[in-house]
């Protein structure tokens, strides 16, 4: 199954848990799930998470960006 994670859902999960590994590894561990994104959606993920109002530490934000690049199709 292919899934597209909506940016609002992704941001909510990040801000709530601030634990990227748990969320992304769950998605990646499901053999029947392929997380698909377009270049535009990937850019949107990164742009939204870079907004000052979310105040994500640089290292955590970069960790998310690396995981997006590795785990999405």
C-alpha atoms as a PDB file:
ATOM      1  CA  UNK A   1       0.000   0.000   0.000  1.00  0.00           C
ATOM      2  CA  UNK A   2       1.243   3.467  -0.808  1.00  0.00           C
ATOM      3  CA  UNK A   3       0.651   6.221   1.721  1.00  0.00           C
ATOM      4  CA  UNK A   4       1.118   9.939   1.632  1.00  0.00           C
ATOM      5  CA  UNK A   5       1.546  11.563   5.025  1.00  0.00           C
ATOM      6  CA  UNK A   6      -0.187  14.933   5.113  1.00  0.00           C
ATOM      7  CA  UNK A   7       2.063  17.770   6.249  1.00  0.00           C
ATOM      8  CA  UNK A   8      -0.328  18.758   9.060  1.00  0.00           C
ATOM      9  CA  UNK A   9      -0.341  15.213  10.417  1.00  0.00           C
ATOM     10  CA  UNK A  10       3.426  14.973  10.188  1.00  0.00           C
ATOM     11  CA  UNK A  11       3.979  18.285  11.973  1.00  0.00           C
ATOM     12  CA  UNK A  12       1.482  17.362  14.695  1.00  0.00           C
ATOM     13  CA  UNK A  13       3.299  14.080  15.305  1.00  0.00           C
ATOM     14  CA  UNK A  14       6.677  15.790  15.443  1.00  0.00           C
ATOM     15  CA  UNK A  15       5.564  18.508  17.827  1.00  0.00           C
ATOM     16  CA  UNK A  16       3.717  16.087  20.073  1.00  0.00           C
ATOM     17  CA  UNK A  17       6.386  13.412  20.446  1.00  0.00           C
ATOM     18  CA  UNK A  18       9.551  15.007  19.127  1.00  0.00           C
ATOM     19  CA  UNK A  19      10.714  11.436  18.494  1.00  0.00           C
ATOM     20  CA  UNK A  20      11.234  10.997  14.771  1.00  0.00           C
ATOM     21  CA  UNK A  21      12.607   7.476  14.981  1.00  0.00           C
ATOM     22  CA  UNK A  22       9.517   5.985  16.607  1.00  0.00           C
ATOM     23  CA  UNK A  23       7.108   7.424  14.074  1.00  0.00           C
ATOM     24  CA  UNK A  24       9.151   6.917  10.928  1.00  0.00           C
ATOM     25  CA  UNK A  25      10.473   3.514  11.903  1.00  0.00           C
ATOM     26  CA  UNK A  26       6.915   2.344  12.472  1.00  0.00           C
ATOM     27  CA  UNK A  27       5.989   3.418   8.939  1.00  0.00           C
ATOM     28  CA  UNK A  28       9.185   1.968   7.466  1.00  0.00           C
ATOM     29  CA  UNK A  29       8.789  -1.340   9.335  1.00  0.00           C
ATOM     30  CA  UNK A  30       5.458  -2.088   7.719  1.00  0.00           C
ATOM     31  CA  UNK A  31       6.300  -4.222   4.699  1.00  0.00           C
ATOM     32  CA  UNK A  32       3.016  -3.382   3.048  1.00  0.00           C
ATOM     33  CA  UNK A  33       3.471   0.408   3.326  1.00  0.00           C
ATOM     34  CA  UNK A  34       5.442   2.629   0.975  1.00  0.00           C
ATOM     35  CA  UNK A  35       5.654   6.285   2.050  1.00  0.00           C
ATOM     36  CA  UNK A  36       5.459   8.274  -1.176  1.00  0.00           C
ATOM     37  CA  UNK A  37       6.055  11.983  -1.648  1.00  0.00           C
ATOM     38  CA  UNK A  38       6.514  14.336  -4.556  1.00  0.00           C
ATOM     39  CA  UNK A  39       9.413  16.780  -4.664  1.00  0.00           C
ATOM     40  CA  UNK A  40       6.930  19.513  -3.787  1.00  0.00           C
ATOM     41  CA  UNK A  41       5.601  17.677  -0.722  1.00  0.00           C
ATOM     42  CA  UNK A  42       9.105  16.904   0.500  1.00  0.00           C
ATOM     43  CA  UNK A  43       9.990  20.597   0.134  1.00  0.00           C
ATOM     44  CA  UNK A  44       6.814  21.502   2.033  1.00  0.00           C
ATOM     45  CA  UNK A  45       7.705  19.139   4.903  1.00  0.00           C
ATOM     46  CA  UNK A  46      11.090  20.794   5.199  1.00  0.00           C
ATOM     47  CA  UNK A  47       9.814  24.350   4.840  1.00  0.00           C
ATOM     48  CA  UNK A  48       7.103  23.938   7.458  1.00  0.00           C
ATOM     49  CA  UNK A  49       9.442  22.285   9.967  1.00  0.00           C
ATOM     50  CA  UNK A  50      11.903  25.142   9.478  1.00  0.00           C
ATOM     51  CA  UNK A  51       9.409  27.770  10.616  1.00  0.00           C
ATOM     52  CA  UNK A  52      10.571  29.680  13.675  1.00  0.00           C
ATOM     53  CA  UNK A  53       7.201  29.293  15.416  1.00  0.00           C
ATOM     54  CA  UNK A  54       7.821  25.556  15.868  1.00  0.00           C
ATOM     55  CA  UNK A  55      11.222  26.169  17.486  1.00  0.00           C
ATOM     56  CA  UNK A  56      12.606  22.758  16.583  1.00  0.00           C
ATOM     57  CA  UNK A  57      16.271  22.468  17.501  1.00  0.00           C
ATOM     58  CA  UNK A  58      18.518  22.401  14.433  1.00  0.00           C
ATOM     59  CA  UNK A  59      19.824  18.910  15.156  1.00  0.00           C
ATOM     60  CA  UNK A  60      16.334  17.454  15.488  1.00  0.00           C
ATOM     61  CA  UNK A  61      15.126  19.182  12.335  1.00  0.00           C
ATOM     62  CA  UNK A  62      18.141  17.869  10.392  1.00  0.00           C
ATOM     63  CA  UNK A  63      17.473  14.392  11.758  1.00  0.00           C
ATOM     64  CA  UNK A  64      13.943  14.586  10.360  1.00  0.00           C
ATOM     65  CA  UNK A  65      15.216  15.832   7.003  1.00  0.00           C
ATOM     66  CA  UNK A  66      17.681  12.941   6.759  1.00  0.00           C
ATOM     67  CA  UNK A  67      14.936  10.448   7.559  1.00  0.00           C
ATOM     68  CA  UNK A  68      12.616  11.950   4.944  1.00  0.00           C
ATOM     69  CA  UNK A  69      15.354  11.592   2.339  1.00  0.00           C
ATOM     70  CA  UNK A  70      16.061   7.978   3.323  1.00  0.00           C
ATOM     71  CA  UNK A  71      12.564   6.630   3.966  1.00  0.00           C
ATOM     72  CA  UNK A  72      10.374   8.204   1.321  1.00  0.00           C
ATOM     73  CA  UNK A  73       9.878   7.273  -2.284  1.00  0.00           C
END
